[in-house]
Amino acid sequence: MKIIKLTLFILSWIILSNLLLAQTSKVGTTGAQFLKIGVGAGAVGRGEAFVATANDISAIFWNPAGLTQLKQREAMFMHSNWLASLSFDFAGITLPLGETVGTLSFFTTILSTPEDVVRTVYYPEGTGETFQSVDLALGVSYARNLTDQLSVGTNVKYIRQSVWKMHGNSWALDFGVMYQAKVRNLKAGLAISNFGVPIKFAGESASLFVDSDPNFTGNTPVKAMLQTESWELPLAFRFGLAFDALQMRHGHLTLSADMINPNDNNEYANFGCEYAIKNLVFIRAGYRGLGMEESEGGLTVGGGLTFPIVSSQLSINYAFVNYGRLEATHRYDLAITF
C-alpha cells in the first residue's frame, strides 16, 4: 500500500511539473542563470545527482526536505573560481529545532565579476569610474518530517542581479519532498526549484532624453526611461533515486541518479557514486548533463575528509567539473557541525 501511495505521489508531481514547465518553455531565454550553479562540492563531485541523498546543508539547493536529516547545527562555506574569471560563493547555516518543530536554515549565494574600468569610445583608457556585476540570492529554509520516512521542505529567497547602474529584483520558492525506504537505504527525492516572479532590469542606464515632437523646433527634451523585457527564472523539476549498492564492514558505496526537466533546455540526467570509508573519507565520481542540448563536458570527480573534533565534526570537500571546450572548475567547501 505504501509503495502504491508513493508511486501515485511521484506521478502527481511529474504531471504537475510538466504542466508548469509547458507554460514557460523558452529554450535559453531565462534570467538569473546563477541560480542553476550547483552548491556543495560533495554533491557536485558525484555528478550533481543529489536530490534523493541531500544529507548535508547543501540540501538547501538540491532538495530542502533533506535538511531534516541534519541532527546538529551545521554551517557551510563554499568557493569556486567560476568560468570566465567569475567567483561563485555560498554560505549557509542550519538549525535543527526538534522533531516536532522542524529545521530552520539561512543561506546566501553570490556570483560576481572582478571590478573593472568603465571604458567608452571617447575614453578607451577609462572614464575614471569602475563597474562590477553581482548576482545575489538570500533565503530562508524550513523542513519537517511528516512521518519517519517522509519529509518536506521549502525555500523562500530574494534574488537580485546588478550590472553597474542597472539592477533587477525577484522572489522565488523551492519545494522538496524526500521518501526513505527501509531497504538498502533506498531514497527517492522530488524538488521544484525557482518557482517565482520574472526578473526585470531597471536603473539609471535606461534613462535618456527624448524630444517629444522632433518636427517642432524649440522643444526642450524630456527625460524618459526605456522599458526592458522581463525574463522568467530558470524553473526546474528534479526527480532522483539513491541507494547503497554495496555495504562492507569499513565502508559503503552509494549510487544515485537524477532526472531534470528545466524550462530553458531539454530533459537530461545526472549520475553519480560515492564510496564512504567509515564516514571519514569519501571518494566521488559522476557524470552530469547527459542528454542536455549543446552541453559542454560532464565528468565530475571529487573527494572529502571528515575530522571529529570533540562533539563536532569538520568536513573538507573538493570537486573537479569538466566543461569541455570551456575551462574546468574547481570547487571547495568547508563544513562544520556543532
Protein backbone atom coordinates (compact mmCIF):
# COMPACT_ATOMS: atom_id res chain seq x y z
CA MET A 1 0.00 0.00 0.00
CA LYS A 2 2.85 2.42 0.85
CA ILE A 3 4.54 1.67 -2.49
CA ILE A 4 1.27 2.41 -4.34
CA LYS A 5 0.86 5.71 -2.48
CA LEU A 6 4.48 6.68 -3.23
CA THR A 7 4.05 5.82 -6.93
CA LEU A 8 0.86 7.90 -7.18
CA PHE A 9 2.58 10.76 -5.37
CA ILE A 10 5.56 10.70 -7.77
CA LEU A 11 3.28 10.58 -10.82
CA SER A 12 1.29 13.55 -9.49
CA TRP A 13 4.48 15.60 -9.10
CA ILE A 14 5.66 14.68 -12.60
CA ILE A 15 2.33 15.71 -14.15
CA LEU A 16 2.29 18.96 -12.15
CA SER A 17 5.86 19.83 -13.13
CA ASN A 18 5.22 19.18 -16.81
CA LEU A 19 2.16 21.44 -16.71
CA LEU A 20 4.17 24.21 -15.04
CA LEU A 21 7.12 23.91 -17.40
CA ALA A 22 4.96 23.66 -20.51
CA GLN A 23 3.66 27.18 -19.81
CA THR A 24 7.12 28.75 -19.65
CA SER A 25 9.21 26.62 -22.02
CA LYS A 26 11.69 29.02 -23.66
CA VAL A 27 14.98 27.34 -24.50
CA GLY A 28 17.95 29.50 -23.47
CA THR A 29 15.86 32.57 -22.59
CA THR A 30 15.67 32.60 -18.79
CA GLY A 31 17.33 35.09 -16.49
CA ALA A 32 19.22 34.69 -13.21
CA GLN A 33 21.30 31.82 -14.59
CA PHE A 34 23.46 31.77 -11.46
CA LEU A 35 20.56 30.03 -9.68
CA LYS A 36 21.45 26.89 -11.67
CA ILE A 37 25.02 26.58 -10.36
CA GLY A 38 25.29 23.56 -8.06
CA VAL A 39 26.08 24.11 -4.38
CA GLY A 40 28.35 21.87 -2.28
CA ALA A 41 31.50 20.17 -3.52
CA GLY A 42 30.22 16.86 -2.17
CA ALA A 43 27.07 16.97 -4.29
CA VAL A 44 28.86 18.32 -7.37
CA GLY A 45 31.61 15.69 -7.17
CA ARG A 46 29.05 12.92 -7.59
CA GLY A 47 27.68 14.33 -10.82
CA GLU A 48 25.11 16.64 -9.20
CA ALA A 49 22.88 13.58 -8.66
CA PHE A 50 21.92 14.56 -5.14
CA VAL A 51 18.19 15.26 -4.92
CA ALA A 52 17.47 11.89 -3.28
CA THR A 53 20.51 11.96 -0.96
CA ALA A 54 20.64 15.62 0.17
CA ASN A 55 22.22 14.70 3.51
CA ASP A 56 24.22 17.87 4.24
CA ILE A 57 23.50 21.58 4.31
CA SER A 58 23.76 21.82 0.51
CA ALA A 59 20.30 20.19 0.56
CA ILE A 60 19.13 23.82 0.61
CA PHE A 61 19.91 23.90 -3.12
CA TRP A 62 19.11 20.32 -4.18
CA ASN A 63 16.15 19.35 -2.02
CA PRO A 64 15.28 21.33 1.13
CA ALA A 65 13.40 18.31 2.52
CA GLY A 66 16.79 16.68 3.12
CA LEU A 67 17.59 19.21 5.85
CA THR A 68 15.60 17.06 8.29
CA GLN A 69 18.47 14.54 8.20
CA LEU A 70 20.75 17.01 9.99
CA LYS A 71 20.53 16.39 13.72
CA GLN A 72 23.12 19.01 14.70
CA ARG A 73 23.67 22.60 13.71
CA GLU A 74 25.76 22.81 10.57
CA ALA A 75 27.43 25.66 8.68
CA MET A 76 28.99 25.51 5.21
CA PHE A 77 31.16 27.86 3.18
CA MET A 78 31.87 27.11 -0.49
CA HIS A 79 34.04 28.90 -3.04
CA SER A 80 34.67 28.30 -6.74
CA ASN A 81 36.70 30.13 -9.35
CA TRP A 82 33.91 30.04 -11.91
CA LEU A 83 34.08 30.29 -15.70
CA ALA A 84 35.40 33.50 -17.32
CA SER A 85 37.18 34.66 -14.15
CA LEU A 86 33.96 34.88 -12.13
CA SER A 87 33.73 33.95 -8.45
CA PHE A 88 30.94 31.81 -7.03
CA ASP A 89 30.35 31.62 -3.27
CA PHE A 90 27.79 30.04 -0.97
CA ALA A 91 27.30 30.27 2.79
CA GLY A 92 24.59 28.68 4.88
CA ILE A 93 23.67 27.59 8.38
CA THR A 94 21.02 25.14 9.52
CA LEU A 95 19.39 24.96 12.96
CA PRO A 96 17.51 21.77 13.94
CA LEU A 97 14.72 22.81 16.30
CA GLY A 98 13.50 19.36 17.32
CA GLU A 99 11.47 16.58 15.74
CA THR A 100 8.12 18.24 16.41
CA VAL A 101 9.19 21.70 15.25
CA GLY A 102 11.42 21.10 12.22
CA THR A 103 14.66 22.52 10.81
CA LEU A 104 15.34 26.17 10.00
CA SER A 105 18.15 27.36 7.69
CA PHE A 106 19.54 30.59 6.29
CA PHE A 107 21.72 30.94 3.19
CA THR A 108 23.23 33.28 0.63
CA THR A 109 24.66 32.71 -2.86
CA ILE A 110 26.83 35.22 -4.74
CA LEU A 111 28.21 35.20 -8.30
CA SER A 112 30.45 38.18 -9.07
CA THR A 113 32.89 39.54 -11.62
CA PRO A 114 36.16 41.31 -10.75
CA GLU A 115 35.91 45.10 -10.63
CA ASP A 116 36.85 46.66 -13.98
CA VAL A 117 37.32 50.09 -15.57
CA VAL A 118 34.45 51.78 -17.43
CA ARG A 119 35.58 52.46 -20.99
CA THR A 120 33.81 54.30 -23.81
CA VAL A 121 34.56 55.17 -27.43
CA TYR A 122 35.74 58.62 -26.35
CA TYR A 123 37.62 57.34 -23.26
CA PRO A 124 39.15 54.00 -24.26
CA GLU A 125 41.59 54.14 -21.33
CA GLY A 126 38.79 54.65 -18.82
CA THR A 127 36.41 57.35 -17.60
CA GLY A 128 37.64 57.20 -14.02
CA GLU A 129 34.69 55.03 -12.99
CA THR A 130 34.63 51.31 -12.24
CA PHE A 131 31.88 48.72 -12.50
CA GLN A 132 31.11 45.23 -11.27
CA SER A 133 28.41 42.64 -11.88
CA VAL A 134 26.94 40.90 -8.82
CA ASP A 135 24.20 38.26 -8.66
CA LEU A 136 22.82 37.62 -5.19
CA ALA A 137 20.30 35.26 -3.59
CA LEU A 138 19.30 35.46 0.08
CA GLY A 139 16.96 32.91 1.57
CA VAL A 140 15.44 31.03 4.46
CA SER A 141 14.54 27.32 4.51
CA TYR A 142 12.15 25.25 6.58
CA ALA A 143 11.89 21.45 6.60
CA ARG A 144 9.96 18.96 8.68
CA ASN A 145 9.36 15.22 8.95
CA LEU A 146 5.77 14.21 8.26
CA THR A 147 6.46 10.57 9.18
CA ASP A 148 9.59 8.59 9.99
CA GLN A 149 10.01 8.03 6.22
CA LEU A 150 8.56 11.14 4.57
CA SER A 151 9.83 14.73 4.87
CA VAL A 152 9.06 18.02 3.14
CA GLY A 153 10.88 21.33 2.84
CA THR A 154 10.74 24.73 1.20
CA ASN A 155 12.93 27.76 0.49
CA VAL A 156 11.89 31.39 0.18
CA LYS A 157 14.55 33.52 -1.50
CA TYR A 158 15.13 37.07 -2.62
CA ILE A 159 17.06 37.45 -5.88
CA ARG A 160 18.96 40.49 -7.12
CA GLN A 161 21.11 40.99 -10.22
CA SER A 162 23.10 44.15 -10.81
CA VAL A 163 25.41 45.36 -13.57
CA TRP A 164 26.88 48.82 -12.98
CA LYS A 165 23.83 51.15 -12.88
CA MET A 166 21.21 48.55 -13.76
CA HIS A 167 19.56 46.03 -11.44
CA GLY A 168 16.72 43.56 -11.29
CA ASN A 169 14.87 42.01 -8.33
CA SER A 170 12.73 38.91 -7.90
CA TRP A 171 11.35 36.40 -5.39
CA ALA A 172 11.22 32.63 -5.73
CA LEU A 173 10.18 29.46 -3.92
CA ASP A 174 11.68 25.97 -3.88
CA PHE A 175 9.76 22.87 -2.81
CA GLY A 176 11.12 19.44 -1.94
CA VAL A 177 9.93 16.01 -0.79
CA MET A 178 12.03 13.04 0.32
CA TYR A 179 10.97 9.46 0.97
CA GLN A 180 13.26 6.93 2.66
CA ALA A 181 12.53 3.21 2.39
CA LYS A 182 13.79 0.68 4.91
CA VAL A 183 15.59 -1.45 2.33
CA ARG A 184 19.27 -0.77 1.46
CA ASN A 185 18.81 2.85 2.48
CA LEU A 186 16.75 3.46 -0.68
CA LYS A 187 15.69 7.08 -1.04
CA ALA A 188 13.53 8.98 -3.51
CA GLY A 189 13.57 12.76 -3.86
CA LEU A 190 11.45 15.32 -5.67
CA ALA A 191 12.12 19.04 -5.96
CA ILE A 192 10.91 22.10 -7.85
CA SER A 193 13.39 24.99 -7.93
CA ASN A 194 13.00 28.70 -8.71
CA PHE A 195 9.23 28.98 -8.95
CA GLY A 196 8.86 32.72 -8.83
CA VAL A 197 8.41 36.17 -10.30
CA PRO A 198 10.07 37.06 -13.65
CA ILE A 199 13.04 39.39 -13.27
CA LYS A 200 13.14 42.78 -14.98
CA PHE A 201 16.03 45.27 -15.12
CA ALA A 202 15.79 48.99 -14.43
CA GLY A 203 18.17 51.76 -13.48
CA GLU A 204 19.99 54.91 -14.46
CA SER A 205 21.43 53.43 -17.65
CA ALA A 206 17.89 53.01 -19.00
CA SER A 207 17.24 56.77 -18.88
CA LEU A 208 17.54 59.07 -21.89
CA PHE A 209 16.35 62.47 -23.12
CA VAL A 210 13.68 62.48 -25.83
CA ASP A 211 12.27 65.25 -28.00
CA SER A 212 8.51 64.79 -27.72
CA ASP A 213 7.94 66.39 -31.14
CA PRO A 214 11.02 66.38 -33.41
CA ASN A 215 9.03 68.22 -36.14
CA PHE A 216 8.65 71.27 -33.92
CA THR A 217 11.71 73.39 -33.18
CA GLY A 218 12.33 74.86 -29.76
CA ASN A 219 11.21 71.82 -27.72
CA THR A 220 13.08 71.03 -24.55
CA PRO A 221 13.98 67.32 -24.42
CA VAL A 222 12.33 65.48 -21.54
CA LYS A 223 13.82 62.65 -19.51
CA ALA A 224 12.38 59.21 -20.31
CA MET A 225 13.03 55.62 -19.22
CA LEU A 226 13.44 52.64 -21.53
CA GLN A 227 11.17 49.75 -20.64
CA THR A 228 13.09 46.46 -20.57
CA GLU A 229 11.86 42.91 -21.14
CA SER A 230 11.14 40.63 -18.20
CA TRP A 231 12.80 37.21 -18.00
CA GLU A 232 11.47 34.01 -16.49
CA LEU A 233 13.52 32.38 -13.73
CA PRO A 234 15.23 29.04 -14.52
CA LEU A 235 12.45 26.78 -13.25
CA ALA A 236 13.46 23.12 -12.90
CA PHE A 237 11.87 19.89 -11.72
CA ARG A 238 14.10 17.15 -10.31
CA PHE A 239 13.35 13.54 -9.50
CA GLY A 240 16.03 11.23 -8.13
CA LEU A 241 16.78 7.86 -6.59
CA ALA A 242 19.71 6.78 -4.41
CA PHE A 243 20.60 3.52 -2.68
CA ASP A 244 23.51 1.70 -1.05
CA ALA A 245 24.70 -0.70 -3.73
CA LEU A 246 27.50 -2.14 -1.62
CA GLN A 247 27.78 -2.37 2.15
CA MET A 248 31.01 -3.54 3.73
CA ARG A 249 32.44 -3.57 7.21
CA HIS A 250 34.52 -0.44 6.73
CA GLY A 251 32.57 1.37 4.03
CA HIS A 252 29.63 1.58 1.69
CA LEU A 253 29.01 2.55 -1.94
CA THR A 254 26.06 4.78 -2.77
CA LEU A 255 24.71 5.11 -6.32
CA SER A 256 22.39 7.92 -7.36
CA ALA A 257 20.58 9.16 -10.46
CA ASP A 258 18.55 12.32 -11.13
CA MET A 259 16.24 13.30 -13.98
CA ILE A 260 15.95 17.06 -14.51
CA ASN A 261 13.27 18.86 -16.50
CA PRO A 262 14.17 22.57 -16.89
CA ASN A 263 12.20 25.30 -18.64
CA ASP A 264 15.19 26.50 -20.69
CA ASN A 265 16.54 23.23 -22.08
CA ASN A 266 15.53 19.67 -22.80
CA GLU A 267 15.34 16.96 -20.15
CA TYR A 268 18.66 15.47 -19.03
CA ALA A 269 20.09 13.08 -16.46
CA ASN A 270 22.84 13.14 -13.83
CA PHE A 271 24.54 10.05 -12.43
CA GLY A 272 26.92 9.70 -9.51
CA CYS A 273 28.52 7.48 -6.91
CA GLU A 274 30.21 7.92 -3.56
CA TYR A 275 32.33 5.46 -1.62
CA ALA A 276 32.49 6.31 2.09
CA ILE A 277 35.15 4.75 4.31
CA LYS A 278 33.93 4.78 7.93
CA ASN A 279 32.15 8.05 7.05
CA LEU A 280 35.53 9.77 7.36
CA VAL A 281 36.98 9.51 3.84
CA PHE A 282 34.86 10.00 0.72
CA ILE A 283 35.65 9.27 -2.93
CA ARG A 284 33.20 10.56 -5.54
CA ALA A 285 32.63 10.50 -9.30
CA GLY A 286 29.79 11.18 -11.68
CA TYR A 287 28.52 12.48 -14.98
CA ARG A 288 26.22 15.47 -15.35
CA GLY A 289 24.08 16.76 -18.21
CA LEU A 290 23.57 13.51 -20.13
CA GLY A 291 21.11 14.36 -22.90
CA MET A 292 21.31 18.13 -22.39
CA GLU A 293 21.24 20.10 -25.63
CA GLU A 294 24.67 21.54 -26.55
CA SER A 295 26.18 20.67 -23.18
CA GLU A 296 29.90 21.05 -22.53
CA GLY A 297 31.75 18.32 -20.68
CA GLY A 298 30.06 16.39 -17.93
CA LEU A 299 32.64 14.36 -15.98
CA THR A 300 32.97 15.16 -12.27
CA VAL A 301 35.31 13.74 -9.62
CA GLY A 302 35.96 14.69 -6.04
CA GLY A 303 36.65 13.69 -2.51
CA GLY A 304 36.29 14.69 1.09
CA LEU A 305 37.64 14.26 4.60
CA THR A 306 35.82 14.48 7.92
CA PHE A 307 37.63 15.16 11.19
CA PRO A 308 35.86 14.51 14.52
CA ILE A 309 36.53 17.33 17.00
CA VAL A 310 35.09 16.59 20.46
CA SER A 311 31.31 16.77 19.87
CA SER A 312 31.72 18.44 16.48
CA GLN A 313 32.89 17.47 13.00
CA LEU A 314 34.90 19.39 10.42
CA SER A 315 34.47 18.40 6.77
CA ILE A 316 36.57 19.49 3.79
CA ASN A 317 35.37 18.66 0.25
CA TYR A 318 36.68 19.20 -3.26
CA ALA A 319 35.14 18.70 -6.71
CA PHE A 320 36.51 18.95 -10.25
CA VAL A 321 33.99 19.61 -13.03
CA ASN A 322 34.86 19.28 -16.71
CA TYR A 323 33.21 21.84 -19.03
CA GLY A 324 34.67 20.59 -22.31
CA ARG A 325 35.86 23.43 -24.52
CA LEU A 326 35.37 25.79 -21.59
CA GLU A 327 37.81 25.69 -18.70
CA ALA A 328 37.23 23.24 -15.87
CA THR A 329 36.09 24.48 -12.49
CA HIS A 330 37.34 23.56 -9.02
CA ARG A 331 35.01 23.81 -6.03
CA TYR A 332 35.94 23.74 -2.38
CA ASP A 333 33.78 23.76 0.69
CA LEU A 334 34.28 23.72 4.41
CA ALA A 335 31.51 22.49 6.71
CA ILE A 336 31.30 22.18 10.46
CA THR A 337 28.68 20.55 12.67
CA PHE A 338 28.36 21.77 16.23
